[in-house]
Amino acid sequence: MLLAMALLISGCSTGVYPLDVLTEMHYSQAFKAQEPPRLQPPAGSVPITGKEVAHPFSEYKNLKAPGQIATTYSRQRGSDLYRVNCVFCHGTTGKGDGPLRTYLTGFPPADLTGAVAQRSTEGEVFGFISYGGRIGFAVAPAGAPSPSPMPIFNKLLTEEERWILTLYVLQDLAGR
């Protein structure tokens, strides 16, 4: 009997100890040594900067840039955001002639200096940036995926950054 027990114990060796009577929790991939468990935020919690207000699509035409953003608008910040996020498709002058234009199939990048874009309201341009261009904004109320190659920037940029881009497109690209 003792011999059978010794064979059983020697055959069951899986970890540091000959027989795993207690699991070795300190080898778990969930936590590193000396690291406390990560606490997740409560469901439905709001970031300290506040949750973005979801506007009905019918209200975008009348939206204006929030007062604090409009009064502290910096052309340099708008230019930086445009250079990083938009210039590849819309080009440095906003005419839709960026280096990726030739690789985009379907819908070409919009000419942001043209009459169609410049006649749009602040809220409409904000909606276009947020939902993937004019086409993405048009299909978003139906919950349909955007056929436009333009990214849906409400997942990539903060609300403030999108408003700054809106002001840059309407104020600074128009003058070029």
N, C-alpha and C. Protein backbone atom coordinates (compact mmCIF):
# COMPACT_ATOMS: atom_id res chain seq x y z
N MET A 1 0.81 -1.18 0.00
CA MET A 1 0.00 0.00 0.00
C MET A 1 0.87 1.26 0.00
N LEU A 2 1.91 1.25 0.81
CA LEU A 2 2.82 2.38 0.90
C LEU A 2 3.53 2.59 -0.43
N LEU A 3 3.89 1.50 -1.10
CA LEU A 3 4.57 1.59 -2.39
C LEU A 3 3.63 2.17 -3.44
N ALA A 4 2.38 1.79 -3.43
CA ALA A 4 1.39 2.32 -4.38
C ALA A 4 1.18 3.81 -4.16
N MET A 5 1.16 4.25 -2.90
CA MET A 5 0.99 5.66 -2.59
C MET A 5 2.20 6.46 -3.07
N ALA A 6 3.41 5.93 -2.90
CA ALA A 6 4.62 6.61 -3.33
C ALA A 6 4.65 6.74 -4.85
N LEU A 7 4.23 5.69 -5.56
CA LEU A 7 4.17 5.76 -7.02
C LEU A 7 3.14 6.78 -7.49
N LEU A 8 2.01 6.83 -6.81
CA LEU A 8 0.96 7.77 -7.15
C LEU A 8 1.45 9.22 -6.96
N ILE A 9 2.10 9.46 -5.85
CA ILE A 9 2.60 10.81 -5.56
C ILE A 9 3.68 11.21 -6.55
N SER A 10 4.59 10.33 -6.88
CA SER A 10 5.67 10.68 -7.80
C SER A 10 5.14 10.87 -9.23
N GLY A 11 4.08 10.22 -9.59
CA GLY A 11 3.50 10.34 -10.93
C GLY A 11 2.63 11.57 -11.08
N CYS A 12 2.23 12.19 -9.99
CA CYS A 12 1.33 13.34 -10.04
C CYS A 12 2.06 14.67 -9.93
N SER A 13 3.33 14.67 -10.04
CA SER A 13 4.09 15.89 -9.88
C SER A 13 3.85 16.82 -11.06
N THR A 14 3.27 17.99 -10.79
CA THR A 14 2.99 18.94 -11.87
C THR A 14 3.64 20.29 -11.63
N GLY A 15 3.84 20.66 -10.40
CA GLY A 15 4.37 21.99 -10.11
C GLY A 15 5.63 21.88 -9.28
N VAL A 16 5.81 22.82 -8.40
CA VAL A 16 6.97 22.84 -7.52
C VAL A 16 6.87 21.71 -6.49
N TYR A 17 5.68 21.42 -6.06
CA TYR A 17 5.47 20.41 -5.03
C TYR A 17 5.13 19.08 -5.69
N PRO A 18 5.48 17.97 -5.04
CA PRO A 18 5.22 16.66 -5.64
C PRO A 18 3.75 16.42 -5.95
N LEU A 19 2.86 16.94 -5.16
CA LEU A 19 1.43 16.72 -5.37
C LEU A 19 0.73 18.06 -5.18
N ASP A 20 -0.05 18.47 -6.16
CA ASP A 20 -0.76 19.74 -6.06
C ASP A 20 -1.99 19.57 -5.19
N VAL A 21 -1.78 19.71 -3.90
CA VAL A 21 -2.90 19.67 -2.97
C VAL A 21 -3.58 21.03 -2.99
N LEU A 22 -2.78 22.08 -2.96
CA LEU A 22 -3.29 23.44 -3.04
C LEU A 22 -2.84 24.03 -4.37
N THR A 23 -3.73 24.72 -5.03
CA THR A 23 -3.32 25.33 -6.30
C THR A 23 -2.35 26.46 -6.03
N GLU A 24 -1.48 26.68 -6.96
CA GLU A 24 -0.46 27.71 -6.80
C GLU A 24 -0.97 29.01 -7.41
N MET A 25 -1.75 29.75 -6.64
CA MET A 25 -2.37 30.97 -7.13
C MET A 25 -1.36 32.05 -7.49
N HIS A 26 -0.18 32.00 -6.90
CA HIS A 26 0.80 33.04 -7.21
C HIS A 26 1.37 32.89 -8.62
N TYR A 27 1.04 31.82 -9.33
CA TYR A 27 1.46 31.67 -10.71
C TYR A 27 0.35 32.06 -11.69
N SER A 28 -0.73 32.57 -11.18
CA SER A 28 -1.86 32.95 -12.03
C SER A 28 -1.46 34.08 -12.97
N GLN A 29 -1.97 34.05 -14.19
CA GLN A 29 -1.70 35.10 -15.15
C GLN A 29 -2.50 36.36 -14.86
N ALA A 30 -3.50 36.26 -14.01
CA ALA A 30 -4.36 37.40 -13.74
C ALA A 30 -3.65 38.50 -12.96
N PHE A 31 -2.74 38.15 -12.09
CA PHE A 31 -2.07 39.14 -11.26
C PHE A 31 -0.59 38.86 -11.24
N LYS A 32 0.18 39.91 -11.17
CA LYS A 32 1.62 39.78 -11.01
C LYS A 32 1.94 39.77 -9.53
N ALA A 33 3.13 39.34 -9.18
CA ALA A 33 3.53 39.31 -7.78
C ALA A 33 3.41 40.70 -7.17
N GLN A 34 2.91 40.78 -5.99
CA GLN A 34 2.77 42.03 -5.23
C GLN A 34 1.79 43.02 -5.86
N GLU A 35 0.97 42.56 -6.78
CA GLU A 35 0.01 43.44 -7.43
C GLU A 35 -1.38 43.14 -6.90
N PRO A 36 -2.09 44.15 -6.43
CA PRO A 36 -3.45 43.89 -5.94
C PRO A 36 -4.40 43.66 -7.11
N PRO A 37 -5.55 43.10 -6.87
CA PRO A 37 -6.51 42.90 -7.96
C PRO A 37 -6.92 44.24 -8.56
N ARG A 38 -7.14 44.25 -9.86
CA ARG A 38 -7.59 45.48 -10.52
C ARG A 38 -9.08 45.65 -10.29
N LEU A 39 -9.45 46.82 -9.90
CA LEU A 39 -10.87 47.12 -9.71
C LEU A 39 -11.41 47.79 -10.96
N GLN A 40 -12.49 47.28 -11.46
CA GLN A 40 -13.12 47.86 -12.64
C GLN A 40 -14.07 48.97 -12.20
N PRO A 41 -14.29 49.98 -13.03
CA PRO A 41 -15.24 51.02 -12.66
C PRO A 41 -16.65 50.45 -12.60
N PRO A 42 -17.49 51.00 -11.78
CA PRO A 42 -18.88 50.51 -11.71
C PRO A 42 -19.58 50.66 -13.06
N ALA A 43 -20.49 49.77 -13.35
CA ALA A 43 -21.23 49.83 -14.61
C ALA A 43 -21.98 51.15 -14.71
N GLY A 44 -21.92 51.77 -15.87
CA GLY A 44 -22.63 53.03 -16.10
C GLY A 44 -21.94 54.24 -15.50
N SER A 45 -20.72 54.07 -15.00
CA SER A 45 -20.03 55.21 -14.41
C SER A 45 -19.62 56.19 -15.49
N VAL A 46 -19.38 57.42 -15.08
CA VAL A 46 -19.07 58.50 -16.00
C VAL A 46 -17.66 59.00 -15.72
N PRO A 47 -16.86 59.26 -16.75
CA PRO A 47 -15.54 59.81 -16.52
C PRO A 47 -15.64 61.17 -15.84
N ILE A 48 -14.58 61.58 -15.17
CA ILE A 48 -14.64 62.83 -14.43
C ILE A 48 -14.80 64.04 -15.34
N THR A 49 -14.49 63.88 -16.61
CA THR A 49 -14.68 64.98 -17.55
C THR A 49 -16.13 65.08 -18.00
N GLY A 50 -16.93 64.12 -17.63
CA GLY A 50 -18.35 64.13 -18.01
C GLY A 50 -18.59 63.26 -19.22
N LYS A 51 -19.80 62.78 -19.29
CA LYS A 51 -20.19 61.91 -20.40
C LYS A 51 -20.67 62.78 -21.56
N GLU A 52 -20.30 62.41 -22.76
CA GLU A 52 -20.72 63.19 -23.92
C GLU A 52 -22.22 63.06 -24.11
N VAL A 53 -22.85 64.18 -24.38
CA VAL A 53 -24.29 64.19 -24.59
C VAL A 53 -24.58 63.62 -25.98
N ALA A 54 -25.50 62.68 -26.02
CA ALA A 54 -25.90 62.10 -27.30
C ALA A 54 -27.04 62.95 -27.86
N HIS A 55 -26.77 63.65 -28.94
CA HIS A 55 -27.77 64.52 -29.55
C HIS A 55 -28.60 63.74 -30.56
N PRO A 56 -29.89 64.02 -30.64
CA PRO A 56 -30.68 63.44 -31.74
C PRO A 56 -30.13 63.97 -33.07
N PHE A 57 -30.15 63.17 -34.09
CA PHE A 57 -29.56 63.56 -35.37
C PHE A 57 -30.24 64.79 -35.96
N SER A 58 -31.49 65.01 -35.64
CA SER A 58 -32.20 66.19 -36.16
C SER A 58 -31.67 67.49 -35.55
N GLU A 59 -30.98 67.43 -34.43
CA GLU A 59 -30.49 68.63 -33.76
C GLU A 59 -29.10 69.08 -34.22
N TYR A 60 -28.38 68.26 -34.95
CA TYR A 60 -27.01 68.60 -35.33
C TYR A 60 -26.93 69.89 -36.15
N LYS A 61 -27.91 70.14 -37.00
CA LYS A 61 -27.88 71.33 -37.85
C LYS A 61 -27.78 72.61 -37.02
N ASN A 62 -28.41 72.63 -35.85
CA ASN A 62 -28.45 73.84 -35.02
C ASN A 62 -27.40 73.86 -33.91
N LEU A 63 -26.57 72.83 -33.81
CA LEU A 63 -25.55 72.81 -32.76
C LEU A 63 -24.47 73.84 -33.03
N LYS A 64 -23.94 74.38 -31.97
CA LYS A 64 -22.80 75.30 -32.04
C LYS A 64 -21.71 74.75 -31.14
N ALA A 65 -20.48 75.13 -31.42
CA ALA A 65 -19.36 74.72 -30.56
C ALA A 65 -19.61 75.26 -29.16
N PRO A 66 -19.41 74.44 -28.13
CA PRO A 66 -19.60 74.92 -26.76
C PRO A 66 -18.78 76.18 -26.50
N GLY A 67 -19.33 77.07 -25.69
CA GLY A 67 -18.74 78.38 -25.45
C GLY A 67 -17.28 78.35 -25.06
N GLN A 68 -16.91 77.47 -24.15
CA GLN A 68 -15.52 77.42 -23.69
C GLN A 68 -14.58 77.01 -24.83
N ILE A 69 -15.00 76.09 -25.66
CA ILE A 69 -14.17 75.65 -26.78
C ILE A 69 -14.08 76.76 -27.82
N ALA A 70 -15.19 77.41 -28.11
CA ALA A 70 -15.20 78.48 -29.11
C ALA A 70 -14.35 79.67 -28.68
N THR A 71 -14.37 80.01 -27.40
CA THR A 71 -13.61 81.19 -26.94
C THR A 71 -12.13 80.89 -26.76
N THR A 72 -11.77 79.65 -26.49
CA THR A 72 -10.36 79.30 -26.29
C THR A 72 -9.77 78.59 -27.50
N TYR A 73 -10.48 78.64 -28.63
CA TYR A 73 -10.02 77.95 -29.84
C TYR A 73 -8.63 78.44 -30.23
N SER A 74 -7.77 77.47 -30.56
CA SER A 74 -6.41 77.77 -30.99
C SER A 74 -6.21 77.22 -32.40
N ARG A 75 -5.87 78.10 -33.33
CA ARG A 75 -5.62 77.65 -34.70
C ARG A 75 -4.50 76.62 -34.73
N GLN A 76 -3.49 76.79 -33.88
CA GLN A 76 -2.37 75.85 -33.84
C GLN A 76 -2.84 74.46 -33.43
N ARG A 77 -3.69 74.40 -32.43
CA ARG A 77 -4.22 73.10 -31.98
C ARG A 77 -5.06 72.47 -33.07
N GLY A 78 -5.89 73.27 -33.73
CA GLY A 78 -6.70 72.77 -34.84
C GLY A 78 -5.83 72.25 -35.98
N SER A 79 -4.77 72.99 -36.28
CA SER A 79 -3.85 72.59 -37.32
C SER A 79 -3.15 71.28 -36.97
N ASP A 80 -2.76 71.14 -35.71
CA ASP A 80 -2.11 69.90 -35.27
C ASP A 80 -3.06 68.71 -35.37
N LEU A 81 -4.29 68.89 -34.93
CA LEU A 81 -5.28 67.80 -35.02
C LEU A 81 -5.55 67.44 -36.48
N TYR A 82 -5.67 68.45 -37.32
CA TYR A 82 -5.92 68.22 -38.74
C TYR A 82 -4.75 67.46 -39.37
N ARG A 83 -3.54 67.90 -39.06
CA ARG A 83 -2.34 67.27 -39.63
C ARG A 83 -2.25 65.79 -39.25
N VAL A 84 -2.58 65.46 -38.02
CA VAL A 84 -2.46 64.09 -37.55
C VAL A 84 -3.61 63.21 -38.05
N ASN A 85 -4.82 63.75 -38.13
CA ASN A 85 -5.99 62.92 -38.40
C ASN A 85 -6.58 63.05 -39.80
N CYS A 86 -6.33 64.14 -40.50
CA CYS A 86 -7.07 64.41 -41.73
C CYS A 86 -6.24 64.57 -42.99
N VAL A 87 -5.00 65.02 -42.84
CA VAL A 87 -4.21 65.43 -43.99
C VAL A 87 -3.93 64.28 -44.97
N PHE A 88 -3.92 63.05 -44.52
CA PHE A 88 -3.62 61.93 -45.40
C PHE A 88 -4.66 61.75 -46.49
N CYS A 89 -5.90 62.07 -46.18
CA CYS A 89 -6.96 61.94 -47.18
C CYS A 89 -7.35 63.30 -47.77
N HIS A 90 -7.51 64.31 -46.91
CA HIS A 90 -8.02 65.60 -47.38
C HIS A 90 -6.91 66.53 -47.86
N GLY A 91 -5.66 66.20 -47.65
CA GLY A 91 -4.55 67.02 -48.12
C GLY A 91 -4.27 68.20 -47.20
N THR A 92 -3.10 68.79 -47.37
CA THR A 92 -2.70 69.89 -46.49
C THR A 92 -3.58 71.12 -46.67
N THR A 93 -4.14 71.30 -47.84
CA THR A 93 -5.00 72.46 -48.08
C THR A 93 -6.48 72.14 -47.92
N GLY A 94 -6.82 70.89 -47.66
CA GLY A 94 -8.22 70.51 -47.45
C GLY A 94 -9.01 70.28 -48.72
N LYS A 95 -8.35 70.20 -49.85
CA LYS A 95 -9.05 70.07 -51.14
C LYS A 95 -9.41 68.62 -51.49
N GLY A 96 -9.10 67.68 -50.59
CA GLY A 96 -9.40 66.27 -50.86
C GLY A 96 -8.35 65.60 -51.71
N ASP A 97 -7.16 66.17 -51.74
CA ASP A 97 -6.10 65.65 -52.61
C ASP A 97 -4.92 65.07 -51.83
N GLY A 98 -5.21 64.45 -50.69
CA GLY A 98 -4.16 63.87 -49.87
C GLY A 98 -3.52 62.66 -50.54
N PRO A 99 -2.39 62.20 -50.01
CA PRO A 99 -1.66 61.10 -50.64
C PRO A 99 -2.43 59.77 -50.67
N LEU A 100 -3.41 59.58 -49.81
CA LEU A 100 -4.16 58.32 -49.84
C LEU A 100 -5.34 58.34 -50.81
N ARG A 101 -5.62 59.49 -51.40
CA ARG A 101 -6.77 59.62 -52.31
C ARG A 101 -6.77 58.55 -53.40
N THR A 102 -5.63 58.28 -53.97
CA THR A 102 -5.57 57.31 -55.07
C THR A 102 -5.85 55.89 -54.62
N TYR A 103 -5.71 55.62 -53.33
CA TYR A 103 -5.93 54.26 -52.83
C TYR A 103 -7.34 54.04 -52.31
N LEU A 104 -8.10 55.11 -52.18
CA LEU A 104 -9.46 54.99 -51.66
C LEU A 104 -10.41 54.66 -52.80
N THR A 105 -11.20 53.63 -52.59
CA THR A 105 -12.18 53.26 -53.61
C THR A 105 -13.56 53.69 -53.12
N GLY A 106 -14.45 53.90 -54.04
CA GLY A 106 -15.80 54.31 -53.66
C GLY A 106 -15.92 55.81 -53.58
N PHE A 107 -15.90 56.33 -52.37
CA PHE A 107 -16.12 57.75 -52.16
C PHE A 107 -14.79 58.49 -51.98
N PRO A 108 -14.54 59.51 -52.80
CA PRO A 108 -13.30 60.27 -52.63
C PRO A 108 -13.40 61.18 -51.42
N PRO A 109 -12.28 61.60 -50.86
CA PRO A 109 -12.31 62.54 -49.74
C PRO A 109 -12.96 63.86 -50.16
N ALA A 110 -13.70 64.44 -49.26
CA ALA A 110 -14.39 65.70 -49.55
C ALA A 110 -13.41 66.85 -49.67
N ASP A 111 -13.79 67.82 -50.49
CA ASP A 111 -13.06 69.08 -50.57
C ASP A 111 -13.61 69.96 -49.45
N LEU A 112 -12.84 70.10 -48.39
CA LEU A 112 -13.30 70.83 -47.20
C LEU A 112 -13.30 72.33 -47.41
N THR A 113 -12.70 72.80 -48.49
CA THR A 113 -12.69 74.24 -48.78
C THR A 113 -13.80 74.62 -49.74
N GLY A 114 -14.46 73.63 -50.31
CA GLY A 114 -15.50 73.87 -51.30
C GLY A 114 -16.78 74.42 -50.69
N ALA A 115 -17.66 74.88 -51.55
CA ALA A 115 -18.90 75.51 -51.12
C ALA A 115 -19.79 74.57 -50.32
N VAL A 116 -19.85 73.31 -50.69
CA VAL A 116 -20.72 72.36 -49.99
C VAL A 116 -20.30 72.23 -48.53
N ALA A 117 -19.02 72.04 -48.29
CA ALA A 117 -18.54 71.91 -46.91
C ALA A 117 -18.64 73.22 -46.15
N GLN A 118 -18.31 74.32 -46.79
CA GLN A 118 -18.29 75.60 -46.10
C GLN A 118 -19.69 76.15 -45.83
N ARG A 119 -20.70 75.68 -46.56
CA ARG A 119 -22.09 76.09 -46.28
C ARG A 119 -22.70 75.27 -45.15
N SER A 120 -22.03 74.22 -44.72
CA SER A 120 -22.54 73.38 -43.63
C SER A 120 -22.40 74.14 -42.31
N THR A 121 -23.30 73.85 -41.39
CA THR A 121 -23.25 74.49 -40.07
C THR A 121 -22.17 73.83 -39.22
N GLU A 122 -21.84 74.46 -38.11
CA GLU A 122 -20.86 73.88 -37.18
C GLU A 122 -21.34 72.50 -36.72
N GLY A 123 -22.61 72.39 -36.39
CA GLY A 123 -23.15 71.12 -35.92
C GLY A 123 -23.09 70.03 -36.97
N GLU A 124 -23.36 70.39 -38.23
CA GLU A 124 -23.29 69.40 -39.30
C GLU A 124 -21.86 68.91 -39.50
N VAL A 125 -20.90 69.83 -39.53
CA VAL A 125 -19.49 69.42 -39.71
C VAL A 125 -19.06 68.56 -38.53
N PHE A 126 -19.49 68.93 -37.32
CA PHE A 126 -19.19 68.12 -36.14
C PHE A 126 -19.77 66.71 -36.31
N GLY A 127 -20.99 66.62 -36.81
CA GLY A 127 -21.61 65.31 -37.07
C GLY A 127 -20.88 64.53 -38.14
N PHE A 128 -20.42 65.22 -39.19
CA PHE A 128 -19.69 64.54 -40.26
C PHE A 128 -18.39 63.96 -39.72
N ILE A 129 -17.69 64.75 -38.90
CA ILE A 129 -16.43 64.27 -38.31
C ILE A 129 -16.70 63.12 -37.36
N SER A 130 -17.76 63.23 -36.59
CA SER A 130 -18.08 62.22 -35.58
C SER A 130 -18.50 60.88 -36.17
N TYR A 131 -19.24 60.91 -37.29
CA TYR A 131 -19.85 59.68 -37.80
C TYR A 131 -19.28 59.18 -39.13
N GLY A 132 -18.17 59.71 -39.58
CA GLY A 132 -17.54 59.18 -40.79
C GLY A 132 -17.97 59.87 -42.06
N GLY A 133 -17.97 61.18 -42.06
CA GLY A 133 -18.30 61.95 -43.25
C GLY A 133 -19.78 62.14 -43.44
N ARG A 134 -20.12 62.83 -44.50
CA ARG A 134 -21.53 63.14 -44.80
C ARG A 134 -22.32 61.84 -44.98
N ILE A 135 -21.72 60.87 -45.63
CA ILE A 135 -22.42 59.61 -45.88
C ILE A 135 -22.59 58.82 -44.58
N GLY A 136 -21.55 58.75 -43.77
CA GLY A 136 -21.65 58.06 -42.48
C GLY A 136 -22.69 58.70 -41.58
N PHE A 137 -22.74 60.03 -41.60
CA PHE A 137 -23.73 60.76 -40.80
C PHE A 137 -25.14 60.48 -41.31
N ALA A 138 -25.30 60.30 -42.62
CA ALA A 138 -26.62 60.05 -43.19
C ALA A 138 -27.15 58.66 -42.82
N VAL A 139 -26.28 57.66 -42.72
CA VAL A 139 -26.74 56.30 -42.42
C VAL A 139 -26.72 55.98 -40.93
N ALA A 140 -26.07 56.81 -40.12
CA ALA A 140 -25.95 56.53 -38.68
C ALA A 140 -27.30 56.46 -37.96
N PRO A 141 -28.29 57.32 -38.27
CA PRO A 141 -29.57 57.22 -37.55
C PRO A 141 -30.26 55.87 -37.73
N ALA A 142 -30.00 55.23 -38.86
CA ALA A 142 -30.61 53.91 -39.10
C ALA A 142 -29.81 52.79 -38.45
N GLY A 143 -28.65 53.13 -37.88
CA GLY A 143 -27.81 52.11 -37.25
C GLY A 143 -27.02 51.30 -38.26
N ALA A 144 -26.99 51.75 -39.50
CA ALA A 144 -26.27 51.03 -40.54
C ALA A 144 -24.79 51.38 -40.47
N PRO A 145 -23.92 50.44 -40.85
CA PRO A 145 -22.49 50.76 -40.89
C PRO A 145 -22.21 51.75 -42.01
N SER A 146 -21.23 52.58 -41.78
CA SER A 146 -20.88 53.60 -42.76
C SER A 146 -20.14 52.99 -43.94
N PRO A 147 -20.60 53.26 -45.17
CA PRO A 147 -19.88 52.78 -46.35
C PRO A 147 -18.69 53.68 -46.69
N SER A 148 -18.56 54.79 -45.99
CA SER A 148 -17.51 55.76 -46.26
C SER A 148 -16.17 55.25 -45.73
N PRO A 149 -15.08 55.53 -46.43
CA PRO A 149 -13.77 55.14 -45.91
C PRO A 149 -13.30 56.05 -44.76
N MET A 150 -14.02 57.15 -44.52
CA MET A 150 -13.62 58.06 -43.44
C MET A 150 -13.88 57.40 -42.09
N PRO A 151 -12.91 57.48 -41.17
CA PRO A 151 -13.12 56.90 -39.84
C PRO A 151 -14.25 57.57 -39.08
N ILE A 152 -14.83 56.84 -38.18
CA ILE A 152 -15.85 57.38 -37.29
C ILE A 152 -15.09 57.94 -36.09
N PHE A 153 -14.89 59.24 -36.10
CA PHE A 153 -14.00 59.86 -35.12
C PHE A 153 -14.59 60.00 -33.73
N ASN A 154 -15.88 59.74 -33.53
CA ASN A 154 -16.39 59.82 -32.16
C ASN A 154 -15.87 58.67 -31.30
N LYS A 155 -15.25 57.71 -31.92
CA LYS A 155 -14.59 56.62 -31.19
C LYS A 155 -13.09 56.86 -31.04
N LEU A 156 -12.55 57.83 -31.78
CA LEU A 156 -11.11 58.06 -31.82
C LEU A 156 -10.67 59.37 -31.18
N LEU A 157 -11.52 60.38 -31.24
CA LEU A 157 -11.19 61.70 -30.70
C LEU A 157 -12.20 62.11 -29.65
N THR A 158 -11.78 62.95 -28.74
CA THR A 158 -12.70 63.45 -27.72
C THR A 158 -13.67 64.44 -28.37
N GLU A 159 -14.72 64.74 -27.65
CA GLU A 159 -15.69 65.71 -28.15
C GLU A 159 -15.02 67.06 -28.38
N GLU A 160 -14.15 67.47 -27.47
CA GLU A 160 -13.45 68.74 -27.62
C GLU A 160 -12.57 68.75 -28.87
N GLU A 161 -11.85 67.67 -29.12
CA GLU A 161 -10.99 67.60 -30.30
C GLU A 161 -11.81 67.67 -31.59
N ARG A 162 -12.97 67.05 -31.59
CA ARG A 162 -13.83 67.09 -32.78
C ARG A 162 -14.39 68.49 -33.00
N TRP A 163 -14.71 69.20 -31.92
CA TRP A 163 -15.17 70.59 -32.07
C TRP A 163 -14.03 71.47 -32.58
N ILE A 164 -12.83 71.25 -32.09
CA ILE A 164 -11.68 72.04 -32.56
C ILE A 164 -11.45 71.79 -34.05
N LEU A 165 -11.55 70.53 -34.48
CA LEU A 165 -11.43 70.24 -35.91
C LEU A 165 -12.53 70.92 -36.71
N THR A 166 -13.73 70.93 -36.16
CA THR A 166 -14.86 71.59 -36.82
C THR A 166 -14.56 73.06 -37.05
N LEU A 167 -14.11 73.73 -36.00
CA LEU A 167 -13.78 75.15 -36.12
C LEU A 167 -12.63 75.37 -37.09
N TYR A 168 -11.66 74.49 -37.07
CA TYR A 168 -10.52 74.61 -37.99
C TYR A 168 -10.99 74.50 -39.44
N VAL A 169 -11.85 73.53 -39.72
CA VAL A 169 -12.35 73.33 -41.08
C VAL A 169 -13.14 74.55 -41.54
N LEU A 170 -14.00 75.06 -40.68
CA LEU A 170 -14.88 76.17 -41.10
C LEU A 170 -14.20 77.54 -41.07
N GLN A 171 -13.23 77.73 -40.21
CA GLN A 171 -12.62 79.05 -40.08
C GLN A 171 -11.27 79.15 -40.80
N ASP A 172 -10.44 78.15 -40.64
CA ASP A 172 -9.07 78.28 -41.14
C ASP A 172 -8.84 77.66 -42.50
N LEU A 173 -9.50 76.56 -42.82
CA LEU A 173 -9.34 75.98 -44.16
C LEU A 173 -10.05 76.83 -45.19
N ALA A 174 -11.10 77.51 -44.80
CA ALA A 174 -11.86 78.34 -45.73
C ALA A 174 -11.02 79.49 -46.28
N GLY A 175 -10.09 79.97 -45.47
CA GLY A 175 -9.28 81.11 -45.89
C GLY A 175 -8.10 80.76 -46.77
N ARG A 176 -7.89 79.50 -47.05
CA ARG A 176 -6.72 79.10 -47.85
C ARG A 176 -7.00 79.21 -49.32
